């Protein structure tokens, strides 16, 4: 194994993504969780860039780091979540953290053992040439039916969210 700049960049981005995910699970304030999620999304976009998938990285930043995070923040602001500030560090909480840490280390070890000597053939490819064009061709030729199903599903969920929001407004007006 050679130590290259790409290897160090991957390790740094993977570390940021993992730390963001762990912070997302362990932070108490919802807004801080969303910030940790943004770090994870941006680190994953960096990994996509290392894989020469610039289009997917741009979509990752625009859609997930931008749009989804903004939607989550609006949801947080509109629903007024309650933070448990008075949560004490009880003995059960310490055991929970220890078990969580052991679970994460065990999972990381299992993944390491599973992929360390996995034989993957190095095949030369030209995937990074005209990446956006190739994604567009695949999306609108081979995967057009699932693409349209996803668009109908998103439209149905949007209509359902509007109906649920209107129903809550009517219930709130009658009180």
Protein backbone atom coordinates (compact mmCIF):
# COMPACT_ATOMS: atom_id res chain seq x y z
CA UNK A 1 0.00 0.00 0.00
CA UNK A 2 1.45 3.35 -1.02
CA UNK A 3 0.83 6.47 0.99
CA UNK A 4 -0.39 9.08 -1.44
CA UNK A 5 -2.13 12.40 -1.06
CA UNK A 6 -5.36 10.79 -2.26
CA UNK A 7 -5.11 8.23 0.57
CA UNK A 8 -4.61 10.96 3.18
CA UNK A 9 -7.47 13.03 1.71
CA UNK A 10 -9.75 9.98 1.83
CA UNK A 11 -8.78 9.23 5.43
CA UNK A 12 -9.37 12.85 6.47
CA UNK A 13 -12.76 13.00 4.73
CA UNK A 14 -13.78 9.61 6.10
CA UNK A 15 -12.78 10.71 9.59
CA UNK A 16 -14.84 13.91 9.27
CA UNK A 17 -17.83 11.89 8.03
CA UNK A 18 -17.57 9.41 10.89
CA UNK A 19 -17.09 12.12 13.51
CA UNK A 20 -20.09 14.00 12.08
CA UNK A 21 -22.22 10.86 12.30
CA UNK A 22 -21.15 10.11 15.87
CA UNK A 23 -21.77 13.73 16.89
CA UNK A 24 -25.17 13.57 15.22
CA UNK A 25 -26.08 10.68 17.48
CA UNK A 26 -24.61 12.12 20.69
CA UNK A 27 -25.45 15.83 20.65
CA UNK A 28 -28.45 17.07 22.62
CA UNK A 29 -29.50 20.19 20.71
CA UNK A 30 -31.27 19.57 17.42
CA UNK A 31 -29.60 22.47 15.60
CA UNK A 32 -26.18 21.13 16.58
CA UNK A 33 -27.22 17.75 15.19
CA UNK A 34 -28.09 19.35 11.87
CA UNK A 35 -24.67 21.05 11.75
CA UNK A 36 -22.99 17.68 12.37
CA UNK A 37 -25.10 16.25 9.56
CA UNK A 38 -23.89 19.02 7.24
CA UNK A 39 -20.28 18.08 8.02
CA UNK A 40 -21.06 14.46 7.17
CA UNK A 41 -22.75 15.40 3.88
CA UNK A 42 -19.87 17.66 2.79
CA UNK A 43 -17.29 15.00 3.68
CA UNK A 44 -19.19 12.44 1.61
CA UNK A 45 -19.23 14.92 -1.29
CA UNK A 46 -15.45 15.17 -0.94
CA UNK A 47 -15.19 11.39 -1.16
CA UNK A 48 -17.28 11.51 -4.34
CA UNK A 49 -14.79 14.01 -5.78
CA UNK A 50 -11.95 11.61 -4.96
CA UNK A 51 -13.87 8.97 -6.92
CA UNK A 52 -14.06 11.31 -9.94
CA UNK A 53 -17.83 11.66 -9.58
CA UNK A 54 -18.01 15.44 -9.63
CA UNK A 55 -21.65 15.55 -10.67
CA UNK A 56 -22.73 13.33 -7.79
CA UNK A 57 -20.62 15.47 -5.42
CA UNK A 58 -22.31 18.65 -6.66
CA UNK A 59 -25.73 17.05 -6.25
CA UNK A 60 -24.72 15.89 -2.75
CA UNK A 61 -23.80 19.44 -1.75
CA UNK A 62 -26.79 21.11 -3.42
CA UNK A 63 -29.51 18.64 -2.47
CA UNK A 64 -28.42 17.18 0.85
CA UNK A 65 -26.17 19.81 2.39
CA UNK A 66 -28.35 22.62 1.09
CA UNK A 67 -31.97 21.71 0.52
CA UNK A 68 -32.50 18.83 2.95
CA UNK A 69 -30.70 20.64 5.75
CA UNK A 70 -32.73 23.80 5.19
CA UNK A 71 -35.93 21.75 5.23
CA UNK A 72 -34.85 20.14 8.50
CA UNK A 73 -34.07 23.53 10.03
CA UNK A 74 -37.48 24.89 8.95
CA UNK A 75 -39.10 21.82 10.46
CA UNK A 76 -37.22 22.38 13.70
CA UNK A 77 -38.18 26.04 13.83
CA UNK A 78 -41.83 25.39 13.02
CA UNK A 79 -42.36 22.49 15.41
CA UNK A 80 -40.53 23.91 18.47
CA UNK A 81 -38.79 20.73 19.66
CA UNK A 82 -38.24 20.39 23.36
CA UNK A 83 -34.68 19.94 24.57
CA UNK A 84 -34.08 17.99 27.74
CA UNK A 85 -31.60 20.33 29.41
CA UNK A 86 -31.99 18.67 32.79
CA UNK A 87 -30.70 15.26 31.67
CA UNK A 88 -28.14 14.14 34.21
CA UNK A 89 -25.20 11.88 33.51
CA UNK A 90 -26.60 8.91 35.35
CA UNK A 91 -25.03 5.49 35.61
CA UNK A 92 -27.32 4.17 32.85
CA UNK A 93 -26.18 6.92 30.54
CA UNK A 94 -22.53 6.00 31.13
CA UNK A 95 -23.25 2.36 30.34
CA UNK A 96 -25.13 3.41 27.23
CA UNK A 97 -22.13 5.41 26.03
CA UNK A 98 -19.73 2.56 26.77
CA UNK A 99 -21.92 0.08 24.90
CA UNK A 100 -22.30 2.53 22.02
CA UNK A 101 -18.53 2.95 21.81
CA UNK A 102 -17.96 -0.81 21.91
CA UNK A 103 -20.57 -1.29 19.21
CA UNK A 104 -18.95 1.27 16.94
CA UNK A 105 -15.48 -0.23 17.48
CA UNK A 106 -16.84 -3.74 16.89
CA UNK A 107 -18.57 -2.67 13.68
CA UNK A 108 -15.43 -0.89 12.46
CA UNK A 109 -13.35 -3.99 13.21
CA UNK A 110 -15.82 -6.26 11.39
CA UNK A 111 -15.78 -3.99 8.34
CA UNK A 112 -11.98 -3.83 8.41
CA UNK A 113 -11.64 -7.63 8.63
CA UNK A 114 -14.27 -8.07 5.94
CA UNK A 115 -12.68 -5.83 3.32
CA UNK A 116 -8.95 -5.89 4.15
CA UNK A 117 -8.02 -8.85 1.93
CA UNK A 118 -11.06 -8.69 -0.36
CA UNK A 119 -9.81 -9.32 -3.90
CA UNK A 120 -10.84 -6.41 -6.09
CA UNK A 121 -9.44 -6.38 -9.60
CA UNK A 122 -8.07 -3.09 -10.85
CA UNK A 123 -9.90 -2.44 -14.10
CA UNK A 124 -9.01 0.62 -16.14
CA UNK A 125 -12.05 2.69 -16.92
CA UNK A 126 -12.96 6.04 -18.37
CA UNK A 127 -15.83 6.76 -15.98
CA UNK A 128 -14.64 10.26 -15.18
CA UNK A 129 -14.77 11.38 -18.80
CA UNK A 130 -18.07 13.19 -19.50
CA UNK A 131 -19.40 12.12 -16.12
CA UNK A 132 -22.50 14.31 -16.21
CA UNK A 133 -23.35 13.19 -19.74
CA UNK A 134 -23.09 9.53 -18.78
CA UNK A 135 -25.23 10.02 -15.65
CA UNK A 136 -27.86 11.81 -17.75
CA UNK A 137 -27.87 9.09 -20.40
CA UNK A 138 -28.25 6.35 -17.79
CA UNK A 139 -30.90 8.25 -15.85
CA UNK A 140 -33.08 9.12 -18.83
CA UNK A 141 -32.69 5.87 -20.77
CA UNK A 142 -32.06 2.87 -18.53
CA UNK A 143 -33.60 4.24 -15.31
CA UNK A 144 -36.42 6.44 -16.62
CA UNK A 145 -39.23 4.38 -15.03
CA UNK A 146 -37.76 4.44 -11.48
CA UNK A 147 -36.94 8.14 -11.96
CA UNK A 148 -40.57 8.90 -12.81
CA UNK A 149 -41.84 6.72 -9.94
CA UNK A 150 -39.66 8.70 -7.52
CA UNK A 151 -41.02 11.97 -8.87
CA UNK A 152 -44.62 10.75 -8.41
CA UNK A 153 -43.76 9.53 -4.88
CA UNK A 154 -42.27 12.91 -3.97
CA UNK A 155 -45.33 14.70 -5.37
CA UNK A 156 -47.64 12.44 -3.36
CA UNK A 157 -45.65 13.05 -0.17
CA UNK A 158 -45.76 16.80 -0.76
CA UNK A 159 -49.54 16.71 -1.23
CA UNK A 160 -49.87 14.53 1.88
CA UNK A 161 -47.78 16.96 3.93
CA UNK A 162 -49.95 19.87 2.78
CA UNK A 163 -53.14 17.97 3.67
CA UNK A 164 -51.78 17.08 7.12
CA UNK A 165 -50.69 20.67 7.74
CA UNK A 166 -54.11 22.01 6.73
CA UNK A 167 -55.87 19.44 8.93
CA UNK A 168 -53.77 20.53 11.95
CA UNK A 169 -54.61 24.19 11.23
CA UNK A 170 -58.35 23.41 11.23
CA UNK A 171 -58.02 21.50 14.52
CA UNK A 172 -56.07 24.41 16.02
CA UNK A 173 -58.71 26.97 14.89
CA UNK A 174 -61.57 25.05 16.56
CA UNK A 175 -59.92 25.09 20.03
